[in-house]
């Protein structure tokens, strides 16, 4: 998507709940758009997917080499509940 801001959190090597704690902190000041979290374990992916799913945020997951990418679409957050 052209013109879409993407926050990027590199959390390689962090064991759960480390990546989730970084995400929660970044969400306090997130400007919308997308958030890409790069982790190195399936457990971290599962935790992040459950977290974003609980918020009703659309997500995608991908694997690139030894890394896992969790991409969350934050554009709908805070818009009319």
PDB file of N, CA and C in Angstrom:
ATOM      1  N   UNK A   1       0.822  -1.175   0.000  1.00  0.00           N
ATOM      2  CA  UNK A   1       0.000   0.000   0.000  1.00  0.00           C
ATOM      3  C   UNK A   1       0.868   1.242   0.000  1.00  0.00           C
ATOM      4  N   UNK A   2       0.666   2.100  -0.963  1.00  0.00           N
ATOM      5  CA  UNK A   2       1.449   3.322  -1.050  1.00  0.00           C
ATOM      6  C   UNK A   2       0.923   4.337  -0.038  1.00  0.00           C
ATOM      7  N   UNK A   3       1.823   4.989   0.658  1.00  0.00           N
ATOM      8  CA  UNK A   3       1.448   6.039   1.589  1.00  0.00           C
ATOM      9  C   UNK A   3       0.973   5.559   2.952  1.00  0.00           C
ATOM     10  N   UNK A   4       1.049   4.291   3.228  1.00  0.00           N
ATOM     11  CA  UNK A   4       0.630   3.774   4.520  1.00  0.00           C
ATOM     12  C   UNK A   4       1.831   3.687   5.452  1.00  0.00           C
ATOM     13  N   UNK A   5       1.682   4.291   6.618  1.00  0.00           N
ATOM     14  CA  UNK A   5       2.764   4.261   7.611  1.00  0.00           C
ATOM     15  C   UNK A   5       2.848   2.863   8.221  1.00  0.00           C
ATOM     16  N   UNK A   6       4.066   2.376   8.392  1.00  0.00           N
ATOM     17  CA  UNK A   6       4.258   1.075   9.026  1.00  0.00           C
ATOM     18  C   UNK A   6       5.240   1.204  10.183  1.00  0.00           C
ATOM     19  N   UNK A   7       4.743   0.960  11.385  1.00  0.00           N
ATOM     20  CA  UNK A   7       5.604   0.867  12.560  1.00  0.00           C
ATOM     21  C   UNK A   7       6.307  -0.476  12.475  1.00  0.00           C
ATOM     22  N   UNK A   8       7.576  -0.520  12.846  1.00  0.00           N
ATOM     23  CA  UNK A   8       8.318  -1.780  12.801  1.00  0.00           C
ATOM     24  C   UNK A   8       8.958  -2.022  14.162  1.00  0.00           C
ATOM     25  N   UNK A   9       8.707  -3.218  14.684  1.00  0.00           N
ATOM     26  CA  UNK A   9       9.310  -3.628  15.952  1.00  0.00           C
ATOM     27  C   UNK A   9      10.135  -4.883  15.673  1.00  0.00           C
ATOM     28  N   UNK A  10      11.415  -4.791  15.926  1.00  0.00           N
ATOM     29  CA  UNK A  10      12.294  -5.946  15.748  1.00  0.00           C
ATOM     30  C   UNK A  10      12.510  -6.556  17.132  1.00  0.00           C
ATOM     31  N   UNK A  11      11.931  -7.742  17.313  1.00  0.00           N
ATOM     32  CA  UNK A  11      11.989  -8.400  18.618  1.00  0.00           C
ATOM     33  C   UNK A  11      12.630  -9.783  18.500  1.00  0.00           C
ATOM     34  N   UNK A  12      13.549  -9.919  17.558  1.00  0.00           N
ATOM     35  CA  UNK A  12      14.259 -11.190  17.374  1.00  0.00           C
ATOM     36  C   UNK A  12      14.961 -11.584  18.661  1.00  0.00           C
ATOM     37  N   UNK A  13      14.878 -12.860  18.983  1.00  0.00           N
ATOM     38  CA  UNK A  13      15.593 -13.373  20.141  1.00  0.00           C
ATOM     39  C   UNK A  13      14.872 -13.175  21.461  1.00  0.00           C
ATOM     40  N   UNK A  14      13.825 -12.358  21.477  1.00  0.00           N
ATOM     41  CA  UNK A  14      13.080 -12.162  22.721  1.00  0.00           C
ATOM     42  C   UNK A  14      12.069 -13.284  22.892  1.00  0.00           C
ATOM     43  N   UNK A  15      12.046 -13.829  24.079  1.00  0.00           N
ATOM     44  CA  UNK A  15      11.072 -14.880  24.391  1.00  0.00           C
ATOM     45  C   UNK A  15       9.789 -14.229  24.877  1.00  0.00           C
ATOM     46  N   UNK A  16       8.642 -14.881  24.650  1.00  0.00           N
ATOM     47  CA  UNK A  16       7.394 -14.338  25.175  1.00  0.00           C
ATOM     48  C   UNK A  16       7.503 -14.189  26.692  1.00  0.00           C
ATOM     49  N   UNK A  17       6.990 -13.122  27.251  1.00  0.00           N
ATOM     50  CA  UNK A  17       6.115 -12.116  26.665  1.00  0.00           C
ATOM     51  C   UNK A  17       6.844 -10.874  26.156  1.00  0.00           C
ATOM     52  N   UNK A  18       8.146 -10.944  25.940  1.00  0.00           N
ATOM     53  CA  UNK A  18       8.923  -9.772  25.509  1.00  0.00           C
ATOM     54  C   UNK A  18       8.362  -9.048  24.297  1.00  0.00           C
ATOM     55  N   UNK A  19       8.126  -9.745  23.174  1.00  0.00           N
ATOM     56  CA  UNK A  19       7.582  -9.049  22.006  1.00  0.00           C
ATOM     57  C   UNK A  19       6.227  -8.393  22.289  1.00  0.00           C
ATOM     58  N   UNK A  20       5.376  -9.062  23.035  1.00  0.00           N
ATOM     59  CA  UNK A  20       4.057  -8.504  23.351  1.00  0.00           C
ATOM     60  C   UNK A  20       4.193  -7.240  24.193  1.00  0.00           C
ATOM     61  N   UNK A  21       5.118  -7.231  25.128  1.00  0.00           N
ATOM     62  CA  UNK A  21       5.334  -6.036  25.949  1.00  0.00           C
ATOM     63  C   UNK A  21       5.789  -4.858  25.091  1.00  0.00           C
ATOM     64  N   UNK A  22       6.654  -5.123  24.120  1.00  0.00           N
ATOM     65  CA  UNK A  22       7.090  -4.057  23.205  1.00  0.00           C
ATOM     66  C   UNK A  22       5.916  -3.529  22.386  1.00  0.00           C
ATOM     67  N   UNK A  23       5.068  -4.426  21.908  1.00  0.00           N
ATOM     68  CA  UNK A  23       3.899  -4.028  21.121  1.00  0.00           C
ATOM     69  C   UNK A  23       2.966  -3.163  21.955  1.00  0.00           C
ATOM     70  N   UNK A  24       2.679  -3.598  23.173  1.00  0.00           N
ATOM     71  CA  UNK A  24       1.757  -2.831  24.027  1.00  0.00           C
ATOM     72  C   UNK A  24       2.299  -1.427  24.290  1.00  0.00           C
ATOM     73  N   UNK A  25       3.592  -1.322  24.516  1.00  0.00           N
ATOM     74  CA  UNK A  25       4.204  -0.013  24.753  1.00  0.00           C
ATOM     75  C   UNK A  25       4.094   0.865  23.506  1.00  0.00           C
ATOM     76  N   UNK A  26       4.375   0.293  22.342  1.00  0.00           N
ATOM     77  CA  UNK A  26       4.329   1.057  21.091  1.00  0.00           C
ATOM     78  C   UNK A  26       2.903   1.471  20.738  1.00  0.00           C
ATOM     79  N   UNK A  27       1.920   0.661  21.106  1.00  0.00           N
ATOM     80  CA  UNK A  27       0.525   1.001  20.816  1.00  0.00           C
ATOM     81  C   UNK A  27       0.080   2.272  21.528  1.00  0.00           C
ATOM     82  N   UNK A  28       0.746   2.612  22.628  1.00  0.00           N
ATOM     83  CA  UNK A  28       0.401   3.838  23.359  1.00  0.00           C
ATOM     84  C   UNK A  28       0.594   5.072  22.491  1.00  0.00           C
ATOM     85  N   UNK A  29       1.511   5.001  21.530  1.00  0.00           N
ATOM     86  CA  UNK A  29       1.789   6.169  20.694  1.00  0.00           C
ATOM     87  C   UNK A  29       1.677   5.863  19.201  1.00  0.00           C
ATOM     88  N   UNK A  30       1.085   4.726  18.856  1.00  0.00           N
ATOM     89  CA  UNK A  30       0.973   4.341  17.450  1.00  0.00           C
ATOM     90  C   UNK A  30       0.093   5.332  16.702  1.00  0.00           C
ATOM     91  N   UNK A  31       0.495   5.618  15.479  1.00  0.00           N
ATOM     92  CA  UNK A  31      -0.210   6.595  14.658  1.00  0.00           C
ATOM     93  C   UNK A  31      -1.175   5.945  13.675  1.00  0.00           C
ATOM     94  N   UNK A  32      -1.526   4.699  13.894  1.00  0.00           N
ATOM     95  CA  UNK A  32      -2.395   4.010  12.943  1.00  0.00           C
ATOM     96  C   UNK A  32      -1.562   3.350  11.863  1.00  0.00           C
ATOM     97  N   UNK A  33      -2.167   3.046  10.760  1.00  0.00           N
ATOM     98  CA  UNK A  33      -1.433   2.369   9.693  1.00  0.00           C
ATOM     99  C   UNK A  33      -1.224   0.910  10.029  1.00  0.00           C
ATOM    100  N   UNK A  34      -0.007   0.447   9.807  1.00  0.00           N
ATOM    101  CA  UNK A  34       0.306  -0.959  10.059  1.00  0.00           C
ATOM    102  C   UNK A  34       1.434  -1.076  11.064  1.00  0.00           C
ATOM    103  N   UNK A  35       1.472  -2.224  11.727  1.00  0.00           N
ATOM    104  CA  UNK A  35       2.563  -2.531  12.646  1.00  0.00           C
ATOM    105  C   UNK A  35       3.113  -3.895  12.249  1.00  0.00           C
ATOM    106  N   UNK A  36       4.416  -3.943  11.987  1.00  0.00           N
ATOM    107  CA  UNK A  36       5.100  -5.193  11.657  1.00  0.00           C
ATOM    108  C   UNK A  36       5.997  -5.557  12.828  1.00  0.00           C
ATOM    109  N   UNK A  37       5.776  -6.750  13.366  1.00  0.00           N
ATOM    110  CA  UNK A  37       6.576  -7.233  14.486  1.00  0.00           C
ATOM    111  C   UNK A  37       7.375  -8.431  13.980  1.00  0.00           C
ATOM    112  N   UNK A  38       8.687  -8.349  14.104  1.00  0.00           N
ATOM    113  CA  UNK A  38       9.575  -9.409  13.632  1.00  0.00           C
ATOM    114  C   UNK A  38      10.080 -10.175  14.853  1.00  0.00           C
ATOM    115  N   UNK A  39       9.751 -11.470  14.879  1.00  0.00           N
ATOM    116  CA  UNK A  39      10.119 -12.322  16.006  1.00  0.00           C
ATOM    117  C   UNK A  39      10.816 -13.574  15.496  1.00  0.00           C
ATOM    118  N   UNK A  40      11.348 -14.358  16.423  1.00  0.00           N
ATOM    119  CA  UNK A  40      12.112 -15.534  16.009  1.00  0.00           C
ATOM    120  C   UNK A  40      11.558 -16.848  16.554  1.00  0.00           C
ATOM    121  N   UNK A  41      10.314 -16.828  17.068  1.00  0.00           N
ATOM    122  CA  UNK A  41       9.744 -18.088  17.555  1.00  0.00           C
ATOM    123  C   UNK A  41       8.252 -18.163  17.241  1.00  0.00           C
ATOM    124  N   UNK A  42       7.792 -19.381  17.033  1.00  0.00           N
ATOM    125  CA  UNK A  42       6.366 -19.595  16.784  1.00  0.00           C
ATOM    126  C   UNK A  42       5.537 -19.236  18.015  1.00  0.00           C
ATOM    127  N   UNK A  43       6.098 -19.420  19.196  1.00  0.00           N
ATOM    128  CA  UNK A  43       5.386 -19.075  20.423  1.00  0.00           C
ATOM    129  C   UNK A  43       5.087 -17.580  20.471  1.00  0.00           C
ATOM    130  N   UNK A  44       6.054 -16.767  20.071  1.00  0.00           N
ATOM    131  CA  UNK A  44       5.848 -15.315  20.037  1.00  0.00           C
ATOM    132  C   UNK A  44       4.780 -14.957  19.007  1.00  0.00           C
ATOM    133  N   UNK A  45       4.794 -15.633  17.854  1.00  0.00           N
ATOM    134  CA  UNK A  45       3.767 -15.398  16.835  1.00  0.00           C
ATOM    135  C   UNK A  45       2.387 -15.713  17.402  1.00  0.00           C
ATOM    136  N   UNK A  46       2.254 -16.863  18.024  1.00  0.00           N
ATOM    137  CA  UNK A  46       0.966 -17.279  18.583  1.00  0.00           C
ATOM    138  C   UNK A  46       0.449 -16.265  19.601  1.00  0.00           C
ATOM    139  N   UNK A  47       1.337 -15.771  20.450  1.00  0.00           N
ATOM    140  CA  UNK A  47       0.947 -14.799  21.469  1.00  0.00           C
ATOM    141  C   UNK A  47       0.488 -13.488  20.832  1.00  0.00           C
ATOM    142  N   UNK A  48       1.220 -13.018  19.825  1.00  0.00           N
ATOM    143  CA  UNK A  48       0.858 -11.775  19.159  1.00  0.00           C
ATOM    144  C   UNK A  48      -0.445 -11.918  18.374  1.00  0.00           C
ATOM    145  N   UNK A  49      -0.613 -13.050  17.694  1.00  0.00           N
ATOM    146  CA  UNK A  49      -1.847 -13.292  16.946  1.00  0.00           C
ATOM    147  C   UNK A  49      -3.041 -13.276  17.892  1.00  0.00           C
ATOM    148  N   UNK A  50      -2.929 -13.936  19.029  1.00  0.00           N
ATOM    149  CA  UNK A  50      -4.024 -13.959  20.006  1.00  0.00           C
ATOM    150  C   UNK A  50      -4.317 -12.547  20.524  1.00  0.00           C
ATOM    151  N   UNK A  51      -3.277 -11.775  20.778  1.00  0.00           N
ATOM    152  CA  UNK A  51      -3.446 -10.406  21.282  1.00  0.00           C
ATOM    153  C   UNK A  51      -4.180  -9.540  20.263  1.00  0.00           C
ATOM    154  N   UNK A  52      -3.687  -9.511  19.023  1.00  0.00           N
ATOM    155  CA  UNK A  52      -4.312  -8.682  17.998  1.00  0.00           C
ATOM    156  C   UNK A  52      -5.715  -9.177  17.662  1.00  0.00           C
ATOM    157  N   UNK A  53      -5.907 -10.485  17.652  1.00  0.00           N
ATOM    158  CA  UNK A  53      -7.225 -11.051  17.383  1.00  0.00           C
ATOM    159  C   UNK A  53      -8.220 -10.604  18.458  1.00  0.00           C
ATOM    160  N   UNK A  54      -7.773 -10.581  19.696  1.00  0.00           N
ATOM    161  CA  UNK A  54      -8.621 -10.133  20.795  1.00  0.00           C
ATOM    162  C   UNK A  54      -9.018  -8.668  20.675  1.00  0.00           C
ATOM    163  N   UNK A  55      -8.208  -7.893  19.973  1.00  0.00           N
ATOM    164  CA  UNK A  55      -8.512  -6.479  19.745  1.00  0.00           C
ATOM    165  C   UNK A  55      -9.368  -6.293  18.494  1.00  0.00           C
ATOM    166  N   UNK A  56      -9.575  -7.365  17.744  1.00  0.00           N
ATOM    167  CA  UNK A  56     -10.324  -7.261  16.498  1.00  0.00           C
ATOM    168  C   UNK A  56      -9.521  -6.630  15.374  1.00  0.00           C
ATOM    169  N   UNK A  57      -8.206  -6.730  15.462  1.00  0.00           N
ATOM    170  CA  UNK A  57      -7.312  -6.134  14.461  1.00  0.00           C
ATOM    171  C   UNK A  57      -6.978  -7.175  13.394  1.00  0.00           C
ATOM    172  N   UNK A  58      -7.195  -6.847  12.111  1.00  0.00           N
ATOM    173  CA  UNK A  58      -6.805  -7.775  11.046  1.00  0.00           C
ATOM    174  C   UNK A  58      -5.291  -7.979  11.037  1.00  0.00           C
ATOM    175  N   UNK A  59      -4.863  -9.223  10.878  1.00  0.00           N
ATOM    176  CA  UNK A  59      -3.432  -9.525  10.879  1.00  0.00           C
ATOM    177  C   UNK A  59      -3.073 -10.455   9.733  1.00  0.00           C
ATOM    178  N   UNK A  60      -1.816 -10.426   9.389  1.00  0.00           N
ATOM    179  CA  UNK A  60      -1.208 -11.366   8.449  1.00  0.00           C
ATOM    180  C   UNK A  60       0.046 -11.896   9.124  1.00  0.00           C
ATOM    181  N   UNK A  61       0.409 -13.117   8.814  1.00  0.00           N
ATOM    182  CA  UNK A  61       1.682 -13.650   9.297  1.00  0.00           C
ATOM    183  C   UNK A  61       2.469 -14.154   8.101  1.00  0.00           C
ATOM    184  N   UNK A  62       3.771 -14.093   8.220  1.00  0.00           N
ATOM    185  CA  UNK A  62       4.651 -14.518   7.142  1.00  0.00           C
ATOM    186  C   UNK A  62       5.953 -15.011   7.765  1.00  0.00           C
ATOM    187  N   UNK A  63       6.663 -15.815   7.011  1.00  0.00           N
ATOM    188  CA  UNK A  63       7.965 -16.282   7.466  1.00  0.00           C
ATOM    189  C   UNK A  63       8.999 -15.915   6.415  1.00  0.00           C
ATOM    190  N   UNK A  64      10.108 -15.360   6.873  1.00  0.00           N
ATOM    191  CA  UNK A  64      11.212 -14.978   5.993  1.00  0.00           C
ATOM    192  C   UNK A  64      12.490 -15.524   6.620  1.00  0.00           C
ATOM    193  N   UNK A  65      12.988 -16.612   6.080  1.00  0.00           N
ATOM    194  CA  UNK A  65      14.172 -17.243   6.658  1.00  0.00           C
ATOM    195  C   UNK A  65      13.861 -17.751   8.050  1.00  0.00           C
ATOM    196  N   UNK A  66      14.652 -17.324   9.019  1.00  0.00           N
ATOM    197  CA  UNK A  66      14.436 -17.730  10.410  1.00  0.00           C
ATOM    198  C   UNK A  66      13.487 -16.805  11.153  1.00  0.00           C
ATOM    199  N   UNK A  67      13.041 -15.737  10.498  1.00  0.00           N
ATOM    200  CA  UNK A  67      12.184 -14.744  11.140  1.00  0.00           C
ATOM    201  C   UNK A  67      10.721 -14.980  10.808  1.00  0.00           C
ATOM    202  N   UNK A  68       9.884 -14.582  11.737  1.00  0.00           N
ATOM    203  CA  UNK A  68       8.440 -14.567  11.539  1.00  0.00           C
ATOM    204  C   UNK A  68       7.997 -13.108  11.580  1.00  0.00           C
ATOM    205  N   UNK A  69       7.086 -12.750  10.690  1.00  0.00           N
ATOM    206  CA  UNK A  69       6.559 -11.396  10.651  1.00  0.00           C
ATOM    207  C   UNK A  69       5.071 -11.458  10.980  1.00  0.00           C
ATOM    208  N   UNK A  70       4.658 -10.640  11.935  1.00  0.00           N
ATOM    209  CA  UNK A  70       3.247 -10.475  12.253  1.00  0.00           C
ATOM    210  C   UNK A  70       2.907  -9.041  11.861  1.00  0.00           C
ATOM    211  N   UNK A  71       1.993  -8.898  10.912  1.00  0.00           N
ATOM    212  CA  UNK A  71       1.633  -7.580  10.395  1.00  0.00           C
ATOM    213  C   UNK A  71       0.194  -7.300  10.791  1.00  0.00           C
ATOM    214  N   UNK A  72       0.002  -6.238  11.558  1.00  0.00           N
ATOM    215  CA  UNK A  72      -1.327  -5.863  12.049  1.00  0.00           C
ATOM    216  C   UNK A  72      -1.776  -4.577  11.383  1.00  0.00           C
ATOM    217  N   UNK A  73      -3.025  -4.551  10.948  1.00  0.00           N
ATOM    218  CA  UNK A  73      -3.628  -3.357  10.345  1.00  0.00           C
ATOM    219  C   UNK A  73      -4.319  -2.575  11.454  1.00  0.00           C
ATOM    220  N   UNK A  74      -3.668  -1.501  11.890  1.00  0.00           N
ATOM    221  CA  UNK A  74      -4.175  -0.696  13.007  1.00  0.00           C
ATOM    222  C   UNK A  74      -5.065   0.455  12.548  1.00  0.00           C
ATOM    223  N   UNK A  75      -5.330   0.542  11.259  1.00  0.00           N
ATOM    224  CA  UNK A  75      -6.052   1.697  10.731  1.00  0.00           C
ATOM    225  C   UNK A  75      -7.461   1.830  11.291  1.00  0.00           C
ATOM    226  N   UNK A  76      -8.073   0.749  11.746  1.00  0.00           N
ATOM    227  CA  UNK A  76      -9.433   0.821  12.273  1.00  0.00           C
ATOM    228  C   UNK A  76      -9.520   1.056  13.763  1.00  0.00           C
ATOM    229  N   UNK A  77      -8.387   1.088  14.461  1.00  0.00           N
ATOM    230  CA  UNK A  77      -8.414   1.279  15.910  1.00  0.00           C
ATOM    231  C   UNK A  77      -8.911   2.672  16.280  1.00  0.00           C
ATOM    232  N   UNK A  78      -9.780   2.693  17.284  1.00  0.00           N
ATOM    233  CA  UNK A  78     -10.249   3.978  17.796  1.00  0.00           C
ATOM    234  C   UNK A  78     -11.292   4.656  16.937  1.00  0.00           C
ATOM    235  N   UNK A  79     -11.778   3.980  15.903  1.00  0.00           N
ATOM    236  CA  UNK A  79     -12.792   4.568  15.023  1.00  0.00           C
ATOM    237  C   UNK A  79     -14.136   3.921  15.334  1.00  0.00           C
ATOM    238  N   UNK A  80     -14.997   4.671  15.954  1.00  0.00           N
ATOM    239  CA  UNK A  80     -16.356   4.260  16.253  1.00  0.00           C
ATOM    240  C   UNK A  80     -16.548   2.819  16.670  1.00  0.00           C
ATOM    241  N   UNK A  81     -16.849   2.573  17.882  1.00  0.00           N
ATOM    242  CA  UNK A  81     -17.099   1.206  18.366  1.00  0.00           C
ATOM    243  C   UNK A  81     -18.556   0.918  18.382  1.00  0.00           C
TER     244      UNK A  81
END
